Amino acid sequence: MDNCRINVMAIYLPLVLVALSGWKQQRLYLALDTTVLWERFCMIHLSVVCCGRAVPLLWRVLEHGSATVAFEEYQPVLRRARWLLRHHPDVMLLADRGFANHELMKWLRQSHWHYCLRLPCDVSIHTTRRYPLIPPW
């Protein structure tokens, strides 16, 4: 599984970016998720959503036995994606409840990315807006 003569990112990433180069006129959906392997490693992966499938873009593997990881652990993956996708004007990040935190939302707003985070039902949302978050109808 490890061959020092093969640099996966040097081969794979340019191919993905060429494929994405024609998508600049439409919203680019990214999915952020984690996978625990052998109860010892946690893989953080950022994928492009295409035709109902998640195509890996970037990933990071940590020695960490839980799927819940701190923002500091996946922020480098997001930063790299922001740089790689800097020519895509409309990016939306999709993430599950394990990623719902203030640091991520602040980073997303500063990056001018849209986001849709699934939240646990007991989360309270406070806003400074004068209108409700959910329409009354």
N, C-alpha and C. Protein backbone atom coordinates (compact mmCIF):
# COMPACT_ATOMS: atom_id res chain seq x y z
N MET A 1 0.82 -1.20 0.00
CA MET A 1 0.00 0.00 0.00
C MET A 1 0.86 1.26 0.00
N ASP A 2 2.15 1.10 0.23
CA ASP A 2 3.02 2.26 0.26
C ASP A 2 4.17 2.06 -0.70
N ASN A 3 4.26 2.92 -1.68
CA ASN A 3 5.34 2.86 -2.65
C ASN A 3 5.91 4.26 -2.76
N CYS A 4 7.13 4.46 -2.29
CA CYS A 4 7.72 5.80 -2.25
C CYS A 4 7.96 6.38 -3.65
N ARG A 5 7.90 5.57 -4.68
CA ARG A 5 8.11 6.05 -6.04
C ARG A 5 6.82 6.57 -6.68
N ILE A 6 5.70 6.40 -6.01
CA ILE A 6 4.42 6.88 -6.54
C ILE A 6 3.90 7.98 -5.63
N ASN A 7 3.71 9.15 -6.19
CA ASN A 7 3.13 10.27 -5.46
C ASN A 7 1.68 10.40 -5.93
N VAL A 8 0.77 9.84 -5.16
CA VAL A 8 -0.64 9.79 -5.56
C VAL A 8 -1.19 11.19 -5.83
N MET A 9 -0.92 12.12 -4.94
CA MET A 9 -1.48 13.46 -5.11
C MET A 9 -0.94 14.16 -6.36
N ALA A 10 0.31 13.89 -6.73
CA ALA A 10 0.89 14.51 -7.92
C ALA A 10 0.22 13.99 -9.19
N ILE A 11 -0.32 12.79 -9.15
CA ILE A 11 -0.98 12.20 -10.31
C ILE A 11 -2.49 12.48 -10.27
N TYR A 12 -3.10 12.21 -9.13
CA TYR A 12 -4.56 12.23 -9.01
C TYR A 12 -5.14 13.65 -9.03
N LEU A 13 -4.56 14.54 -8.23
CA LEU A 13 -5.13 15.88 -8.08
C LEU A 13 -5.19 16.67 -9.38
N PRO A 14 -4.16 16.68 -10.22
CA PRO A 14 -4.29 17.40 -11.50
C PRO A 14 -5.41 16.84 -12.38
N LEU A 15 -5.64 15.53 -12.34
CA LEU A 15 -6.73 14.95 -13.12
C LEU A 15 -8.08 15.43 -12.64
N VAL A 16 -8.27 15.46 -11.32
CA VAL A 16 -9.53 15.94 -10.76
C VAL A 16 -9.74 17.42 -11.10
N LEU A 17 -8.69 18.22 -10.98
CA LEU A 17 -8.82 19.66 -11.26
C LEU A 17 -9.14 19.92 -12.73
N VAL A 18 -8.59 19.14 -13.63
CA VAL A 18 -8.94 19.28 -15.04
C VAL A 18 -10.41 18.94 -15.25
N ALA A 19 -10.87 17.88 -14.59
CA ALA A 19 -12.29 17.50 -14.71
C ALA A 19 -13.19 18.60 -14.17
N LEU A 20 -12.77 19.28 -13.11
CA LEU A 20 -13.58 20.34 -12.50
C LEU A 20 -13.49 21.67 -13.24
N SER A 21 -12.54 21.81 -14.12
CA SER A 21 -12.33 23.11 -14.79
C SER A 21 -13.55 23.54 -15.61
N GLY A 22 -14.33 22.60 -16.08
CA GLY A 22 -15.53 22.94 -16.85
C GLY A 22 -16.75 23.23 -15.99
N TRP A 23 -16.61 23.17 -14.67
CA TRP A 23 -17.75 23.35 -13.77
C TRP A 23 -17.83 24.74 -13.15
N LYS A 24 -17.08 25.69 -13.67
CA LYS A 24 -17.01 27.01 -13.04
C LYS A 24 -18.31 27.80 -13.14
N GLN A 25 -19.18 27.42 -14.05
CA GLN A 25 -20.43 28.15 -14.24
C GLN A 25 -21.56 27.62 -13.37
N GLN A 26 -21.32 26.55 -12.61
CA GLN A 26 -22.35 26.00 -11.75
C GLN A 26 -21.80 25.77 -10.35
N ARG A 27 -22.71 25.61 -9.40
CA ARG A 27 -22.30 25.40 -8.02
C ARG A 27 -21.56 24.08 -7.88
N LEU A 28 -20.46 24.13 -7.12
CA LEU A 28 -19.66 22.95 -6.85
C LEU A 28 -19.98 22.49 -5.42
N TYR A 29 -20.48 21.28 -5.29
CA TYR A 29 -20.84 20.73 -3.98
C TYR A 29 -19.70 19.86 -3.48
N LEU A 30 -19.28 20.11 -2.23
CA LEU A 30 -18.25 19.32 -1.58
C LEU A 30 -18.85 18.65 -0.35
N ALA A 31 -18.48 17.41 -0.12
CA ALA A 31 -18.95 16.67 1.06
C ALA A 31 -17.76 16.41 1.97
N LEU A 32 -17.90 16.78 3.23
CA LEU A 32 -16.87 16.56 4.24
C LEU A 32 -17.33 15.44 5.15
N ASP A 33 -16.50 14.44 5.33
CA ASP A 33 -16.90 13.29 6.15
C ASP A 33 -15.66 12.62 6.74
N THR A 34 -15.90 11.70 7.66
CA THR A 34 -14.83 10.92 8.26
C THR A 34 -15.18 9.44 8.19
N THR A 35 -14.15 8.61 8.22
CA THR A 35 -14.31 7.16 8.25
C THR A 35 -13.30 6.62 9.24
N VAL A 36 -13.74 5.76 10.14
CA VAL A 36 -12.82 5.13 11.10
C VAL A 36 -12.41 3.77 10.53
N LEU A 37 -11.11 3.54 10.51
CA LEU A 37 -10.55 2.30 9.99
C LEU A 37 -9.89 1.51 11.11
N TRP A 38 -10.32 0.27 11.28
CA TRP A 38 -9.77 -0.66 12.27
C TRP A 38 -9.77 -0.10 13.69
N GLU A 39 -10.71 0.79 13.98
CA GLU A 39 -10.83 1.42 15.30
C GLU A 39 -9.54 2.08 15.75
N ARG A 40 -8.70 2.44 14.79
CA ARG A 40 -7.39 3.02 15.12
C ARG A 40 -7.10 4.29 14.32
N PHE A 41 -7.58 4.34 13.09
CA PHE A 41 -7.29 5.47 12.22
C PHE A 41 -8.58 6.17 11.82
N CYS A 42 -8.49 7.47 11.67
CA CYS A 42 -9.62 8.26 11.19
C CYS A 42 -9.21 8.94 9.90
N MET A 43 -9.97 8.69 8.85
CA MET A 43 -9.71 9.31 7.56
C MET A 43 -10.70 10.45 7.38
N ILE A 44 -10.17 11.65 7.22
CA ILE A 44 -10.98 12.83 6.92
C ILE A 44 -10.95 12.98 5.41
N HIS A 45 -12.11 13.00 4.78
CA HIS A 45 -12.12 13.13 3.33
C HIS A 45 -13.07 14.22 2.87
N LEU A 46 -12.60 14.95 1.88
CA LEU A 46 -13.38 16.00 1.25
C LEU A 46 -13.59 15.54 -0.19
N SER A 47 -14.85 15.42 -0.58
CA SER A 47 -15.17 14.87 -1.90
C SER A 47 -16.03 15.84 -2.69
N VAL A 48 -15.95 15.72 -4.00
CA VAL A 48 -16.81 16.46 -4.91
C VAL A 48 -18.04 15.60 -5.17
N VAL A 49 -19.22 16.19 -5.02
CA VAL A 49 -20.45 15.45 -5.26
C VAL A 49 -20.79 15.57 -6.75
N CYS A 50 -20.89 14.42 -7.39
CA CYS A 50 -21.15 14.38 -8.84
C CYS A 50 -22.07 13.21 -9.15
N CYS A 51 -23.22 13.50 -9.73
CA CYS A 51 -24.19 12.47 -10.14
C CYS A 51 -24.56 11.54 -8.98
N GLY A 52 -24.73 12.11 -7.80
CA GLY A 52 -25.12 11.31 -6.64
C GLY A 52 -23.99 10.53 -6.01
N ARG A 53 -22.78 10.73 -6.45
CA ARG A 53 -21.61 10.03 -5.91
C ARG A 53 -20.63 11.04 -5.33
N ALA A 54 -19.82 10.60 -4.39
CA ALA A 54 -18.77 11.42 -3.80
C ALA A 54 -17.42 11.00 -4.39
N VAL A 55 -16.83 11.88 -5.17
CA VAL A 55 -15.52 11.61 -5.79
C VAL A 55 -14.46 12.27 -4.91
N PRO A 56 -13.54 11.48 -4.34
CA PRO A 56 -12.54 12.05 -3.43
C PRO A 56 -11.74 13.18 -4.07
N LEU A 57 -11.54 14.24 -3.31
CA LEU A 57 -10.71 15.35 -3.75
C LEU A 57 -9.44 15.40 -2.89
N LEU A 58 -9.63 15.52 -1.59
CA LEU A 58 -8.51 15.58 -0.64
C LEU A 58 -8.82 14.71 0.56
N TRP A 59 -7.79 14.23 1.22
CA TRP A 59 -8.00 13.41 2.41
C TRP A 59 -6.81 13.53 3.34
N ARG A 60 -7.04 13.15 4.57
CA ARG A 60 -6.00 13.14 5.60
C ARG A 60 -6.30 11.99 6.54
N VAL A 61 -5.28 11.24 6.93
CA VAL A 61 -5.47 10.11 7.84
C VAL A 61 -4.74 10.41 9.14
N LEU A 62 -5.46 10.23 10.25
CA LEU A 62 -4.90 10.46 11.59
C LEU A 62 -4.95 9.17 12.39
N GLU A 63 -4.03 9.02 13.30
CA GLU A 63 -4.17 7.93 14.26
C GLU A 63 -5.10 8.45 15.35
N HIS A 64 -6.35 8.05 15.22
CA HIS A 64 -7.42 8.61 16.06
C HIS A 64 -8.57 7.62 16.00
N GLY A 65 -9.00 7.10 17.11
CA GLY A 65 -9.99 6.03 17.12
C GLY A 65 -11.43 6.45 17.03
N SER A 66 -11.69 7.74 16.81
CA SER A 66 -13.07 8.23 16.76
C SER A 66 -13.31 8.99 15.46
N ALA A 67 -14.57 9.00 15.03
CA ALA A 67 -14.94 9.75 13.83
C ALA A 67 -15.10 11.23 14.11
N THR A 68 -15.14 11.61 15.38
CA THR A 68 -15.26 13.01 15.76
C THR A 68 -13.86 13.60 15.88
N VAL A 69 -13.58 14.60 15.06
CA VAL A 69 -12.26 15.24 15.08
C VAL A 69 -12.41 16.74 15.26
N ALA A 70 -11.40 17.34 15.84
CA ALA A 70 -11.41 18.78 16.09
C ALA A 70 -11.23 19.55 14.78
N PHE A 71 -11.72 20.78 14.76
CA PHE A 71 -11.60 21.64 13.59
C PHE A 71 -10.15 21.78 13.13
N GLU A 72 -9.24 21.86 14.08
CA GLU A 72 -7.82 22.03 13.75
C GLU A 72 -7.28 20.85 12.93
N GLU A 73 -7.91 19.70 13.05
CA GLU A 73 -7.45 18.52 12.33
C GLU A 73 -7.89 18.52 10.86
N TYR A 74 -9.06 19.09 10.57
CA TYR A 74 -9.52 19.08 9.18
C TYR A 74 -9.41 20.45 8.50
N GLN A 75 -9.05 21.47 9.24
CA GLN A 75 -8.87 22.79 8.64
C GLN A 75 -7.81 22.80 7.53
N PRO A 76 -6.66 22.10 7.69
CA PRO A 76 -5.69 22.09 6.58
C PRO A 76 -6.26 21.52 5.28
N VAL A 77 -7.14 20.54 5.37
CA VAL A 77 -7.77 19.97 4.19
C VAL A 77 -8.66 21.04 3.53
N LEU A 78 -9.43 21.75 4.34
CA LEU A 78 -10.30 22.81 3.81
C LEU A 78 -9.49 23.94 3.20
N ARG A 79 -8.40 24.33 3.87
CA ARG A 79 -7.55 25.40 3.35
C ARG A 79 -6.97 25.05 1.98
N ARG A 80 -6.51 23.83 1.87
CA ARG A 80 -5.94 23.40 0.59
C ARG A 80 -7.03 23.38 -0.50
N ALA A 81 -8.21 22.91 -0.14
CA ALA A 81 -9.32 22.89 -1.10
C ALA A 81 -9.69 24.32 -1.52
N ARG A 82 -9.71 25.23 -0.57
CA ARG A 82 -10.03 26.63 -0.90
C ARG A 82 -9.03 27.18 -1.92
N TRP A 83 -7.75 26.86 -1.73
CA TRP A 83 -6.74 27.34 -2.67
C TRP A 83 -6.90 26.67 -4.04
N LEU A 84 -7.10 25.36 -4.04
CA LEU A 84 -7.24 24.63 -5.31
C LEU A 84 -8.48 25.06 -6.08
N LEU A 85 -9.53 25.42 -5.35
CA LEU A 85 -10.81 25.77 -5.99
C LEU A 85 -11.04 27.28 -6.03
N ARG A 86 -9.97 28.04 -5.93
CA ARG A 86 -10.09 29.50 -5.85
C ARG A 86 -10.75 30.12 -7.08
N HIS A 87 -10.75 29.43 -8.21
CA HIS A 87 -11.38 29.95 -9.42
C HIS A 87 -12.84 29.53 -9.55
N HIS A 88 -13.34 28.77 -8.60
CA HIS A 88 -14.75 28.37 -8.60
C HIS A 88 -15.51 29.36 -7.71
N PRO A 89 -16.36 30.19 -8.29
CA PRO A 89 -17.02 31.24 -7.52
C PRO A 89 -18.14 30.76 -6.61
N ASP A 90 -18.65 29.57 -6.82
CA ASP A 90 -19.83 29.12 -6.07
C ASP A 90 -19.58 27.70 -5.53
N VAL A 91 -19.15 27.64 -4.27
CA VAL A 91 -18.84 26.36 -3.63
C VAL A 91 -19.76 26.19 -2.42
N MET A 92 -20.32 24.99 -2.28
CA MET A 92 -21.14 24.68 -1.10
C MET A 92 -20.59 23.43 -0.43
N LEU A 93 -20.37 23.55 0.88
CA LEU A 93 -19.89 22.44 1.69
C LEU A 93 -21.07 21.76 2.37
N LEU A 94 -21.14 20.45 2.25
CA LEU A 94 -22.14 19.64 2.93
C LEU A 94 -21.41 18.83 4.00
N ALA A 95 -21.96 18.82 5.21
CA ALA A 95 -21.31 18.07 6.29
C ALA A 95 -22.34 17.58 7.29
N ASP A 96 -21.97 16.53 7.99
CA ASP A 96 -22.83 15.90 8.97
C ASP A 96 -22.69 16.60 10.33
N ARG A 97 -23.46 16.13 11.30
CA ARG A 97 -23.53 16.79 12.60
C ARG A 97 -22.20 16.82 13.36
N GLY A 98 -21.28 15.92 13.05
CA GLY A 98 -19.98 15.93 13.72
C GLY A 98 -19.13 17.14 13.39
N PHE A 99 -19.51 17.86 12.34
CA PHE A 99 -18.74 19.03 11.92
C PHE A 99 -19.42 20.34 12.29
N ALA A 100 -20.54 20.29 12.94
CA ALA A 100 -21.28 21.51 13.27
C ALA A 100 -20.60 22.21 14.44
N ASN A 101 -19.81 23.23 14.13
CA ASN A 101 -19.18 24.03 15.18
C ASN A 101 -18.95 25.46 14.69
N HIS A 102 -18.78 26.36 15.63
CA HIS A 102 -18.64 27.78 15.31
C HIS A 102 -17.39 28.07 14.49
N GLU A 103 -16.30 27.38 14.78
CA GLU A 103 -15.06 27.63 14.06
C GLU A 103 -15.22 27.32 12.57
N LEU A 104 -15.87 26.20 12.26
CA LEU A 104 -16.09 25.84 10.86
C LEU A 104 -16.98 26.87 10.18
N MET A 105 -18.07 27.25 10.82
CA MET A 105 -18.99 28.21 10.19
C MET A 105 -18.31 29.56 9.97
N LYS A 106 -17.49 29.99 10.92
CA LYS A 106 -16.75 31.24 10.75
C LYS A 106 -15.79 31.13 9.58
N TRP A 107 -15.07 30.01 9.47
CA TRP A 107 -14.14 29.79 8.38
C TRP A 107 -14.87 29.79 7.04
N LEU A 108 -16.02 29.15 6.98
CA LEU A 108 -16.80 29.07 5.73
C LEU A 108 -17.28 30.46 5.30
N ARG A 109 -17.74 31.25 6.26
CA ARG A 109 -18.18 32.60 5.92
C ARG A 109 -17.01 33.45 5.41
N GLN A 110 -15.85 33.34 6.07
CA GLN A 110 -14.67 34.09 5.63
C GLN A 110 -14.20 33.63 4.25
N SER A 111 -14.42 32.38 3.94
CA SER A 111 -14.01 31.82 2.65
C SER A 111 -15.03 32.09 1.55
N HIS A 112 -16.18 32.64 1.92
CA HIS A 112 -17.28 32.92 0.99
C HIS A 112 -17.82 31.64 0.36
N TRP A 113 -17.81 30.57 1.15
CA TRP A 113 -18.41 29.31 0.73
C TRP A 113 -19.80 29.21 1.35
N HIS A 114 -20.73 28.63 0.63
CA HIS A 114 -22.03 28.32 1.18
C HIS A 114 -21.89 27.02 1.96
N TYR A 115 -22.84 26.75 2.84
CA TYR A 115 -22.74 25.49 3.59
C TYR A 115 -24.12 25.01 4.02
N CYS A 116 -24.19 23.70 4.18
CA CYS A 116 -25.39 23.04 4.68
C CYS A 116 -24.90 21.98 5.66
N LEU A 117 -25.14 22.22 6.95
CA LEU A 117 -24.69 21.31 7.99
C LEU A 117 -25.90 20.65 8.64
N ARG A 118 -25.85 19.36 8.75
CA ARG A 118 -26.92 18.64 9.46
C ARG A 118 -26.65 18.79 10.95
N LEU A 119 -27.64 19.24 11.68
CA LEU A 119 -27.47 19.51 13.11
C LEU A 119 -28.28 18.54 13.95
N PRO A 120 -27.79 18.22 15.16
CA PRO A 120 -28.61 17.43 16.08
C PRO A 120 -29.86 18.23 16.45
N CYS A 121 -30.92 17.54 16.81
CA CYS A 121 -32.19 18.21 17.09
C CYS A 121 -32.15 19.11 18.33
N ASP A 122 -31.18 18.91 19.22
CA ASP A 122 -31.14 19.72 20.45
C ASP A 122 -30.26 20.96 20.33
N VAL A 123 -29.83 21.32 19.12
CA VAL A 123 -29.00 22.51 18.92
C VAL A 123 -29.89 23.73 18.80
N SER A 124 -29.55 24.76 19.57
CA SER A 124 -30.27 26.04 19.47
C SER A 124 -29.52 26.95 18.52
N ILE A 125 -30.27 27.63 17.66
CA ILE A 125 -29.67 28.55 16.71
C ILE A 125 -30.10 29.95 17.09
N HIS A 126 -29.10 30.80 17.27
CA HIS A 126 -29.36 32.20 17.59
C HIS A 126 -28.85 33.04 16.44
N THR A 127 -29.63 34.03 16.07
CA THR A 127 -29.26 34.87 14.94
C THR A 127 -29.57 36.32 15.26
N THR A 128 -28.89 37.21 14.56
CA THR A 128 -29.17 38.64 14.73
C THR A 128 -30.15 39.12 13.68
N ARG A 129 -30.60 38.22 12.82
CA ARG A 129 -31.57 38.59 11.79
C ARG A 129 -32.90 38.95 12.43
N ARG A 130 -33.66 39.79 11.76
CA ARG A 130 -34.95 40.21 12.28
C ARG A 130 -36.09 39.35 11.76
N TYR A 131 -35.78 38.39 10.93
CA TYR A 131 -36.81 37.50 10.41
C TYR A 131 -36.46 36.07 10.81
N PRO A 132 -37.45 35.20 10.89
CA PRO A 132 -37.18 33.83 11.32
C PRO A 132 -36.35 33.06 10.31
N LEU A 133 -35.59 32.09 10.82
CA LEU A 133 -34.79 31.23 9.94
C LEU A 133 -35.67 30.32 9.09
N ILE A 134 -36.80 29.90 9.63
CA ILE A 134 -37.71 29.02 8.93
C ILE A 134 -38.98 29.80 8.62
N PRO A 135 -39.37 29.84 7.35
CA PRO A 135 -40.61 30.58 7.03
C PRO A 135 -41.81 30.00 7.79
N PRO A 136 -42.76 30.83 8.15
CA PRO A 136 -43.90 30.39 8.94
C PRO A 136 -44.89 29.53 8.17
N TRP A 137 -44.74 29.35 6.88
CA TRP A 137 -45.72 28.55 6.12
C TRP A 137 -45.34 27.11 6.05
